[in-house]
Amino acid sequence: MMKPMVIAPMLMSALLAGQAPAPGPRSASMDDVVTEVRALRAEMKQSAQASLRAQLLVARLQVEEQRIAGLARQLSETEQQIRGLESARNPWLEQMLTELDKNPPKPGEVDMMAGVRAQFEKIQNGDPVLNERRDSLSRQLADEQARWMAFNAQLEALEKAIR
């Protein structure tokens, strides 16, 4: 009877040893899962950053479009004022200025026609303030359009990167 008692513990240890999982394959598959999860996290982070960057660029584009619209409106109004002055010109205006200059006021007299003369000269020569304003607005508009194009190019590059 002793023989079965010695065999029983040997059988039990053999059965238990056979049921124990092999640590090698599971560790390798767990490492693969961890690596995949890390890769997914990195992709999600990159996607979130790209989304945030795209939202910022779109917001900047909208601000630029508003600036451009405002500058274009101001430029249009200024050009309309300049055209109004130009349309007030007539062929007799220069003749009127010449006639006014023929009879300058005597020293000590008040020049009653100074305001009229200044107005005629403004009409004839154009308003230098309006001309400067038009030039300044044109430069600002060109700068804002260039900035808009730069933001748009960044947005297009981001779009290409996402594809």
N, C-alpha and C. Protein backbone atom coordinates (compact mmCIF):
# COMPACT_ATOMS: atom_id res chain seq x y z
N MET A 1 0.77 -1.19 0.00
CA MET A 1 0.00 0.00 0.00
C MET A 1 0.82 1.26 0.00
N MET A 2 1.93 1.13 0.29
CA MET A 2 2.78 2.28 0.31
C MET A 2 3.08 2.82 -1.06
N LYS A 3 3.05 1.95 -1.92
CA LYS A 3 3.34 2.37 -3.27
C LYS A 3 2.28 3.34 -3.78
N PRO A 4 0.99 3.10 -3.59
CA PRO A 4 0.01 4.08 -4.07
C PRO A 4 0.16 5.42 -3.37
N MET A 5 0.57 5.46 -2.14
CA MET A 5 0.70 6.74 -1.47
C MET A 5 1.87 7.54 -2.02
N VAL A 6 2.85 6.95 -2.47
CA VAL A 6 4.00 7.67 -3.03
C VAL A 6 3.63 8.13 -4.44
N ILE A 7 2.87 7.36 -5.12
CA ILE A 7 2.50 7.70 -6.50
C ILE A 7 1.48 8.84 -6.50
N ALA A 8 0.59 8.87 -5.53
CA ALA A 8 -0.46 9.90 -5.51
C ALA A 8 0.14 11.31 -5.43
N PRO A 9 1.06 11.60 -4.54
CA PRO A 9 1.62 12.95 -4.53
C PRO A 9 2.37 13.26 -5.82
N MET A 10 2.97 12.31 -6.42
CA MET A 10 3.69 12.54 -7.67
C MET A 10 2.71 12.86 -8.79
N LEU A 11 1.58 12.14 -8.78
CA LEU A 11 0.55 12.42 -9.79
C LEU A 11 -0.03 13.81 -9.58
N MET A 12 -0.28 14.18 -8.36
CA MET A 12 -0.86 15.49 -8.06
C MET A 12 0.09 16.60 -8.50
N SER A 13 1.34 16.44 -8.22
CA SER A 13 2.29 17.48 -8.59
C SER A 13 2.43 17.55 -10.11
N ALA A 14 2.32 16.40 -10.77
CA ALA A 14 2.39 16.39 -12.23
C ALA A 14 1.17 17.06 -12.83
N LEU A 15 -0.02 16.79 -12.25
CA LEU A 15 -1.25 17.42 -12.74
C LEU A 15 -1.21 18.94 -12.53
N LEU A 16 -0.79 19.36 -11.37
CA LEU A 16 -0.72 20.79 -11.07
C LEU A 16 0.31 21.48 -11.96
N ALA A 17 1.40 20.84 -12.21
CA ALA A 17 2.42 21.42 -13.07
C ALA A 17 1.91 21.53 -14.49
N GLY A 18 1.11 20.60 -14.93
CA GLY A 18 0.55 20.62 -16.28
C GLY A 18 -0.51 21.70 -16.44
N GLN A 19 -1.18 22.08 -15.36
CA GLN A 19 -2.23 23.10 -15.46
C GLN A 19 -1.69 24.52 -15.36
N ALA A 20 -0.55 24.72 -14.88
CA ALA A 20 0.00 26.07 -14.72
C ALA A 20 0.26 26.69 -16.09
N PRO A 21 -0.21 27.94 -16.29
CA PRO A 21 -0.01 28.58 -17.59
C PRO A 21 1.45 28.92 -17.81
N ALA A 22 1.83 28.92 -19.06
CA ALA A 22 3.20 29.26 -19.41
C ALA A 22 3.34 30.78 -19.42
N PRO A 23 4.24 31.33 -18.66
CA PRO A 23 4.35 32.78 -18.54
C PRO A 23 4.88 33.46 -19.81
N GLY A 24 5.63 32.81 -20.62
CA GLY A 24 6.25 33.41 -21.80
C GLY A 24 5.26 33.98 -22.81
N PRO A 25 4.32 33.20 -23.34
CA PRO A 25 3.41 33.71 -24.37
C PRO A 25 2.49 34.81 -23.84
N ARG A 26 2.02 34.69 -22.60
CA ARG A 26 1.11 35.72 -22.08
C ARG A 26 1.83 37.04 -21.91
N SER A 27 3.03 37.01 -21.47
CA SER A 27 3.78 38.25 -21.30
C SER A 27 3.99 38.93 -22.64
N ALA A 28 4.28 38.15 -23.64
CA ALA A 28 4.49 38.72 -24.96
C ALA A 28 3.19 39.34 -25.48
N SER A 29 2.06 38.69 -25.32
CA SER A 29 0.80 39.24 -25.80
C SER A 29 0.39 40.45 -24.97
N MET A 30 0.68 40.47 -23.67
CA MET A 30 0.37 41.62 -22.83
C MET A 30 1.23 42.82 -23.24
N ASP A 31 2.48 42.56 -23.55
CA ASP A 31 3.36 43.63 -24.03
C ASP A 31 2.83 44.21 -25.34
N ASP A 32 2.33 43.34 -26.20
CA ASP A 32 1.75 43.80 -27.47
C ASP A 32 0.53 44.69 -27.22
N VAL A 33 -0.31 44.29 -26.28
CA VAL A 33 -1.50 45.08 -25.96
C VAL A 33 -1.10 46.44 -25.39
N VAL A 34 -0.14 46.45 -24.50
CA VAL A 34 0.32 47.71 -23.90
C VAL A 34 0.90 48.62 -24.98
N THR A 35 1.68 48.07 -25.86
CA THR A 35 2.26 48.85 -26.95
C THR A 35 1.16 49.43 -27.84
N GLU A 36 0.16 48.63 -28.15
CA GLU A 36 -0.95 49.09 -28.98
C GLU A 36 -1.75 50.20 -28.29
N VAL A 37 -1.97 50.03 -26.99
CA VAL A 37 -2.70 51.06 -26.23
C VAL A 37 -1.90 52.37 -26.23
N ARG A 38 -0.61 52.28 -26.05
CA ARG A 38 0.23 53.48 -26.07
C ARG A 38 0.18 54.15 -27.44
N ALA A 39 0.22 53.35 -28.49
CA ALA A 39 0.14 53.91 -29.84
C ALA A 39 -1.20 54.60 -30.07
N LEU A 40 -2.27 53.99 -29.60
CA LEU A 40 -3.60 54.60 -29.72
C LEU A 40 -3.68 55.90 -28.95
N ARG A 41 -3.11 55.93 -27.76
CA ARG A 41 -3.10 57.16 -26.96
C ARG A 41 -2.34 58.27 -27.70
N ALA A 42 -1.21 57.91 -28.28
CA ALA A 42 -0.40 58.90 -29.01
C ALA A 42 -1.18 59.43 -30.21
N GLU A 43 -1.88 58.55 -30.92
CA GLU A 43 -2.68 58.97 -32.07
C GLU A 43 -3.83 59.87 -31.62
N MET A 44 -4.47 59.51 -30.51
CA MET A 44 -5.56 60.33 -30.01
C MET A 44 -5.06 61.71 -29.59
N LYS A 45 -3.91 61.76 -28.96
CA LYS A 45 -3.32 63.03 -28.55
C LYS A 45 -2.99 63.87 -29.77
N GLN A 46 -2.41 63.26 -30.77
CA GLN A 46 -2.06 63.96 -32.01
C GLN A 46 -3.32 64.46 -32.70
N SER A 47 -4.35 63.65 -32.72
CA SER A 47 -5.62 64.05 -33.33
C SER A 47 -6.26 65.21 -32.58
N ALA A 48 -6.22 65.17 -31.26
CA ALA A 48 -6.78 66.26 -30.45
C ALA A 48 -6.01 67.55 -30.68
N GLN A 49 -4.70 67.46 -30.78
CA GLN A 49 -3.88 68.64 -31.04
C GLN A 49 -4.18 69.21 -32.42
N ALA A 50 -4.31 68.34 -33.41
CA ALA A 50 -4.63 68.80 -34.76
C ALA A 50 -6.01 69.46 -34.80
N SER A 51 -6.94 68.89 -34.08
CA SER A 51 -8.29 69.46 -34.03
C SER A 51 -8.27 70.83 -33.38
N LEU A 52 -7.55 70.96 -32.28
CA LEU A 52 -7.44 72.25 -31.60
C LEU A 52 -6.76 73.28 -32.49
N ARG A 53 -5.71 72.86 -33.14
CA ARG A 53 -4.99 73.77 -34.05
C ARG A 53 -5.88 74.21 -35.19
N ALA A 54 -6.66 73.28 -35.74
CA ALA A 54 -7.58 73.63 -36.82
C ALA A 54 -8.63 74.62 -36.34
N GLN A 55 -9.15 74.42 -35.15
CA GLN A 55 -10.15 75.34 -34.60
C GLN A 55 -9.56 76.74 -34.42
N LEU A 56 -8.33 76.80 -33.92
CA LEU A 56 -7.67 78.10 -33.75
C LEU A 56 -7.44 78.79 -35.09
N LEU A 57 -7.01 78.04 -36.07
CA LEU A 57 -6.77 78.62 -37.38
C LEU A 57 -8.07 79.12 -38.01
N VAL A 58 -9.14 78.36 -37.86
CA VAL A 58 -10.44 78.80 -38.39
C VAL A 58 -10.89 80.08 -37.69
N ALA A 59 -10.70 80.15 -36.39
CA ALA A 59 -11.07 81.36 -35.65
C ALA A 59 -10.24 82.55 -36.12
N ARG A 60 -8.95 82.33 -36.33
CA ARG A 60 -8.09 83.41 -36.82
C ARG A 60 -8.51 83.84 -38.22
N LEU A 61 -8.87 82.88 -39.06
CA LEU A 61 -9.35 83.22 -40.40
C LEU A 61 -10.60 84.08 -40.32
N GLN A 62 -11.51 83.75 -39.42
CA GLN A 62 -12.73 84.53 -39.28
C GLN A 62 -12.43 85.95 -38.81
N VAL A 63 -11.51 86.09 -37.88
CA VAL A 63 -11.12 87.43 -37.41
C VAL A 63 -10.51 88.22 -38.56
N GLU A 64 -9.63 87.58 -39.32
CA GLU A 64 -9.01 88.24 -40.46
C GLU A 64 -10.06 88.66 -41.49
N GLU A 65 -11.04 87.79 -41.73
CA GLU A 65 -12.10 88.13 -42.68
C GLU A 65 -12.88 89.35 -42.20
N GLN A 66 -13.13 89.44 -40.90
CA GLN A 66 -13.82 90.61 -40.35
C GLN A 66 -12.97 91.87 -40.51
N ARG A 67 -11.68 91.75 -40.25
CA ARG A 67 -10.79 92.90 -40.42
C ARG A 67 -10.76 93.34 -41.88
N ILE A 68 -10.66 92.37 -42.77
CA ILE A 68 -10.61 92.68 -44.20
C ILE A 68 -11.91 93.36 -44.64
N ALA A 69 -13.04 92.85 -44.17
CA ALA A 69 -14.33 93.45 -44.54
C ALA A 69 -14.42 94.88 -44.02
N GLY A 70 -13.98 95.12 -42.79
CA GLY A 70 -14.00 96.47 -42.24
C GLY A 70 -13.10 97.43 -43.00
N LEU A 71 -11.89 96.97 -43.32
CA LEU A 71 -10.96 97.81 -44.07
C LEU A 71 -11.48 98.07 -45.49
N ALA A 72 -12.06 97.05 -46.10
CA ALA A 72 -12.60 97.21 -47.45
C ALA A 72 -13.75 98.23 -47.43
N ARG A 73 -14.58 98.18 -46.39
CA ARG A 73 -15.68 99.14 -46.28
C ARG A 73 -15.14 100.55 -46.10
N GLN A 74 -14.15 100.72 -45.22
CA GLN A 74 -13.56 102.05 -45.01
C GLN A 74 -12.90 102.57 -46.28
N LEU A 75 -12.21 101.68 -46.99
CA LEU A 75 -11.56 102.08 -48.24
C LEU A 75 -12.59 102.49 -49.27
N SER A 76 -13.68 101.76 -49.35
CA SER A 76 -14.74 102.09 -50.30
C SER A 76 -15.35 103.46 -49.97
N GLU A 77 -15.59 103.71 -48.69
CA GLU A 77 -16.15 105.01 -48.28
C GLU A 77 -15.19 106.14 -48.62
N THR A 78 -13.90 105.94 -48.38
CA THR A 78 -12.91 106.97 -48.68
C THR A 78 -12.83 107.22 -50.17
N GLU A 79 -12.84 106.17 -50.96
CA GLU A 79 -12.79 106.33 -52.41
C GLU A 79 -14.06 107.03 -52.92
N GLN A 80 -15.17 106.76 -52.28
CA GLN A 80 -16.42 107.43 -52.66
C GLN A 80 -16.32 108.93 -52.35
N GLN A 81 -15.73 109.28 -51.22
CA GLN A 81 -15.53 110.69 -50.89
C GLN A 81 -14.60 111.37 -51.89
N ILE A 82 -13.55 110.66 -52.29
CA ILE A 82 -12.62 111.21 -53.27
C ILE A 82 -13.33 111.40 -54.61
N ARG A 83 -14.13 110.41 -55.02
CA ARG A 83 -14.88 110.54 -56.27
C ARG A 83 -15.86 111.71 -56.19
N GLY A 84 -16.44 111.94 -55.01
CA GLY A 84 -17.35 113.07 -54.84
C GLY A 84 -16.63 114.39 -55.06
N LEU A 85 -15.40 114.48 -54.54
CA LEU A 85 -14.62 115.70 -54.78
C LEU A 85 -14.27 115.84 -56.26
N GLU A 86 -13.90 114.73 -56.87
CA GLU A 86 -13.53 114.78 -58.29
C GLU A 86 -14.71 115.16 -59.17
N SER A 87 -15.88 114.68 -58.79
CA SER A 87 -17.06 115.02 -59.60
C SER A 87 -17.46 116.48 -59.41
N ALA A 88 -17.03 117.11 -58.31
CA ALA A 88 -17.34 118.52 -58.08
C ALA A 88 -16.46 119.44 -58.93
N ARG A 89 -15.39 118.88 -59.46
CA ARG A 89 -14.52 119.68 -60.33
C ARG A 89 -15.28 120.03 -61.60
N ASN A 90 -15.02 121.18 -62.07
CA ASN A 90 -15.56 121.55 -63.37
C ASN A 90 -14.54 122.42 -64.09
N PRO A 91 -14.71 122.62 -65.36
CA PRO A 91 -13.70 123.38 -66.12
C PRO A 91 -13.57 124.83 -65.66
N TRP A 92 -14.60 125.35 -65.06
CA TRP A 92 -14.56 126.76 -64.66
C TRP A 92 -13.90 126.96 -63.30
N LEU A 93 -13.68 125.86 -62.58
CA LEU A 93 -13.11 125.98 -61.24
C LEU A 93 -11.73 126.62 -61.29
N GLU A 94 -10.89 126.19 -62.21
CA GLU A 94 -9.55 126.76 -62.31
C GLU A 94 -9.63 128.23 -62.69
N GLN A 95 -10.56 128.56 -63.55
CA GLN A 95 -10.74 129.96 -63.94
C GLN A 95 -11.18 130.79 -62.73
N MET A 96 -12.06 130.22 -61.88
CA MET A 96 -12.49 130.94 -60.69
C MET A 96 -11.32 131.18 -59.74
N LEU A 97 -10.47 130.16 -59.58
CA LEU A 97 -9.29 130.32 -58.72
C LEU A 97 -8.37 131.40 -59.26
N THR A 98 -8.19 131.45 -60.56
CA THR A 98 -7.34 132.46 -61.18
C THR A 98 -7.92 133.85 -60.93
N GLU A 99 -9.23 133.99 -61.08
CA GLU A 99 -9.88 135.28 -60.86
C GLU A 99 -9.75 135.71 -59.39
N LEU A 100 -9.90 134.78 -58.48
CA LEU A 100 -9.75 135.12 -57.06
C LEU A 100 -8.33 135.58 -56.76
N ASP A 101 -7.35 134.96 -57.41
CA ASP A 101 -5.95 135.31 -57.16
C ASP A 101 -5.58 136.66 -57.78
N LYS A 102 -6.35 137.16 -58.76
CA LYS A 102 -6.05 138.44 -59.40
C LYS A 102 -6.28 139.60 -58.43
N ASN A 103 -7.22 139.46 -57.54
CA ASN A 103 -7.55 140.55 -56.62
C ASN A 103 -7.29 140.11 -55.18
N PRO A 104 -6.02 139.99 -54.80
CA PRO A 104 -5.74 139.59 -53.41
C PRO A 104 -6.14 140.73 -52.47
N PRO A 105 -6.43 140.37 -51.23
CA PRO A 105 -6.79 141.42 -50.28
C PRO A 105 -5.59 142.31 -49.97
N LYS A 106 -5.89 143.55 -49.66
CA LYS A 106 -4.83 144.52 -49.31
C LYS A 106 -4.34 144.20 -47.90
N PRO A 107 -3.12 144.53 -47.60
CA PRO A 107 -2.61 144.29 -46.25
C PRO A 107 -3.51 144.95 -45.20
N GLY A 108 -3.82 144.17 -44.19
CA GLY A 108 -4.68 144.64 -43.12
C GLY A 108 -6.14 144.34 -43.35
N GLU A 109 -6.52 143.98 -44.56
CA GLU A 109 -7.91 143.63 -44.85
C GLU A 109 -8.12 142.14 -44.59
N VAL A 110 -9.33 141.82 -44.21
CA VAL A 110 -9.68 140.42 -44.00
C VAL A 110 -9.98 139.81 -45.36
N ASP A 111 -9.39 138.64 -45.59
CA ASP A 111 -9.64 137.95 -46.86
C ASP A 111 -10.98 137.23 -46.77
N MET A 112 -11.99 137.83 -47.35
CA MET A 112 -13.34 137.29 -47.30
C MET A 112 -13.47 136.01 -48.13
N MET A 113 -12.59 135.85 -49.07
CA MET A 113 -12.70 134.71 -49.99
C MET A 113 -11.75 133.57 -49.61
N ALA A 114 -11.07 133.68 -48.48
CA ALA A 114 -10.09 132.66 -48.09
C ALA A 114 -10.73 131.29 -47.96
N GLY A 115 -11.89 131.21 -47.31
CA GLY A 115 -12.59 129.94 -47.15
C GLY A 115 -13.03 129.36 -48.47
N VAL A 116 -13.54 130.24 -49.34
CA VAL A 116 -13.98 129.79 -50.68
C VAL A 116 -12.78 129.30 -51.47
N ARG A 117 -11.68 130.09 -51.40
CA ARG A 117 -10.46 129.72 -52.13
C ARG A 117 -9.94 128.36 -51.63
N ALA A 118 -9.92 128.16 -50.32
CA ALA A 118 -9.44 126.90 -49.75
C ALA A 118 -10.33 125.74 -50.20
N GLN A 119 -11.63 125.98 -50.23
CA GLN A 119 -12.56 124.92 -50.67
C GLN A 119 -12.34 124.59 -52.14
N PHE A 120 -12.17 125.63 -52.97
CA PHE A 120 -11.93 125.41 -54.40
C PHE A 120 -10.62 124.65 -54.61
N GLU A 121 -9.58 125.03 -53.86
CA GLU A 121 -8.30 124.34 -53.99
C GLU A 121 -8.40 122.88 -53.55
N LYS A 122 -9.16 122.67 -52.52
CA LYS A 122 -9.37 121.29 -52.04
C LYS A 122 -10.06 120.46 -53.11
N ILE A 123 -11.04 121.05 -53.74
CA ILE A 123 -11.76 120.34 -54.82
C ILE A 123 -10.83 120.12 -56.00
N GLN A 124 -10.07 121.16 -56.35
CA GLN A 124 -9.20 121.08 -57.52
C GLN A 124 -8.05 120.10 -57.33
N ASN A 125 -7.41 120.16 -56.17
CA ASN A 125 -6.22 119.34 -55.93
C ASN A 125 -6.52 118.00 -55.26
N GLY A 126 -7.73 117.84 -54.82
CA GLY A 126 -8.05 116.64 -54.07
C GLY A 126 -7.69 116.87 -52.61
N ASP A 127 -8.31 116.15 -51.75
CA ASP A 127 -8.06 116.30 -50.32
C ASP A 127 -6.86 115.43 -49.95
N PRO A 128 -5.73 116.05 -49.52
CA PRO A 128 -4.55 115.24 -49.19
C PRO A 128 -4.80 114.28 -48.03
N VAL A 129 -5.68 114.66 -47.11
CA VAL A 129 -5.99 113.76 -45.99
C VAL A 129 -6.72 112.52 -46.51
N LEU A 130 -7.67 112.74 -47.43
CA LEU A 130 -8.39 111.58 -48.00
C LEU A 130 -7.45 110.70 -48.82
N ASN A 131 -6.56 111.34 -49.57
CA ASN A 131 -5.62 110.55 -50.38
C ASN A 131 -4.70 109.73 -49.49
N GLU A 132 -4.21 110.33 -48.40
CA GLU A 132 -3.34 109.60 -47.47
C GLU A 132 -4.12 108.47 -46.80
N ARG A 133 -5.36 108.76 -46.43
CA ARG A 133 -6.18 107.73 -45.80
C ARG A 133 -6.41 106.56 -46.75
N ARG A 134 -6.69 106.87 -48.02
CA ARG A 134 -6.89 105.80 -49.02
C ARG A 134 -5.63 104.96 -49.15
N ASP A 135 -4.47 105.61 -49.22
CA ASP A 135 -3.21 104.87 -49.35
C ASP A 135 -2.95 104.00 -48.12
N SER A 136 -3.21 104.57 -46.93
CA SER A 136 -2.99 103.82 -45.69
C SER A 136 -3.93 102.62 -45.62
N LEU A 137 -5.19 102.82 -45.95
CA LEU A 137 -6.16 101.72 -45.91
C LEU A 137 -5.80 100.65 -46.94
N SER A 138 -5.31 101.06 -48.09
CA SER A 138 -4.90 100.09 -49.12
C SER A 138 -3.75 99.22 -48.61
N ARG A 139 -2.78 99.85 -47.94
CA ARG A 139 -1.65 99.08 -47.38
C ARG A 139 -2.14 98.12 -46.30
N GLN A 140 -2.99 98.63 -45.39
CA GLN A 140 -3.50 97.78 -44.31
C GLN A 140 -4.29 96.60 -44.88
N LEU A 141 -5.09 96.87 -45.90
CA LEU A 141 -5.88 95.80 -46.52
C LEU A 141 -4.98 94.75 -47.15
N ALA A 142 -3.93 95.19 -47.82
CA ALA A 142 -2.99 94.24 -48.42
C ALA A 142 -2.30 93.40 -47.33
N ASP A 143 -1.93 94.04 -46.22
CA ASP A 143 -1.29 93.30 -45.11
C ASP A 143 -2.24 92.26 -44.53
N GLU A 144 -3.49 92.64 -44.30
CA GLU A 144 -4.47 91.71 -43.73
C GLU A 144 -4.76 90.57 -44.68
N GLN A 145 -4.82 90.87 -45.97
CA GLN A 145 -5.05 89.80 -46.95
C GLN A 145 -3.88 88.83 -46.98
N ALA A 146 -2.67 89.34 -46.85
CA ALA A 146 -1.49 88.46 -46.81
C ALA A 146 -1.53 87.59 -45.56
N ARG A 147 -1.94 88.17 -44.43
CA ARG A 147 -2.05 87.40 -43.19
C ARG A 147 -3.12 86.32 -43.34
N TRP A 148 -4.24 86.66 -43.96
CA TRP A 148 -5.32 85.70 -44.19
C TRP A 148 -4.81 84.56 -45.05
N MET A 149 -4.06 84.89 -46.09
CA MET A 149 -3.54 83.84 -46.97
C MET A 149 -2.58 82.93 -46.21
N ALA A 150 -1.78 83.49 -45.31
CA ALA A 150 -0.84 82.67 -44.52
C ALA A 150 -1.61 81.71 -43.61
N PHE A 151 -2.65 82.21 -42.92
CA PHE A 151 -3.46 81.34 -42.07
C PHE A 151 -4.15 80.27 -42.90
N ASN A 152 -4.64 80.63 -44.06
CA ASN A 152 -5.31 79.67 -44.92
C ASN A 152 -4.33 78.59 -45.39
N ALA A 153 -3.11 78.99 -45.70
CA ALA A 153 -2.09 78.01 -46.11
C ALA A 153 -1.78 77.03 -44.97
N GLN A 154 -1.72 77.55 -43.74
CA GLN A 154 -1.49 76.67 -42.59
C GLN A 154 -2.65 75.69 -42.42
N LEU A 155 -3.84 76.17 -42.62
CA LEU A 155 -5.02 75.31 -42.49
C LEU A 155 -5.02 74.23 -43.56
N GLU A 156 -4.66 74.60 -44.78
CA GLU A 156 -4.57 73.61 -45.86
C GLU A 156 -3.49 72.58 -45.58
N ALA A 157 -2.35 73.01 -45.04
CA ALA A 157 -1.28 72.07 -44.70
C ALA A 157 -1.74 71.11 -43.61
N LEU A 158 -2.47 71.63 -42.64
CA LEU A 158 -3.00 70.77 -41.59
C LEU A 158 -4.00 69.77 -42.15
N GLU A 159 -4.81 70.22 -43.08
CA GLU A 159 -5.79 69.33 -43.73
C GLU A 159 -5.08 68.21 -44.49
N LYS A 160 -4.02 68.55 -45.18
CA LYS A 160 -3.25 67.54 -45.93
C LYS A 160 -2.60 66.55 -44.96
N ALA A 161 -2.14 67.03 -43.81
CA ALA A 161 -1.49 66.17 -42.83
C ALA A 161 -2.49 65.19 -42.23
N ILE A 162 -3.72 65.61 -42.10
CA ILE A 162 -4.75 64.73 -41.51
C ILE A 162 -5.12 63.62 -42.47
N ARG A 163 -5.12 63.90 -43.74
CA ARG A 163 -5.52 62.88 -44.73
C ARG A 163 -4.59 61.75 -44.75
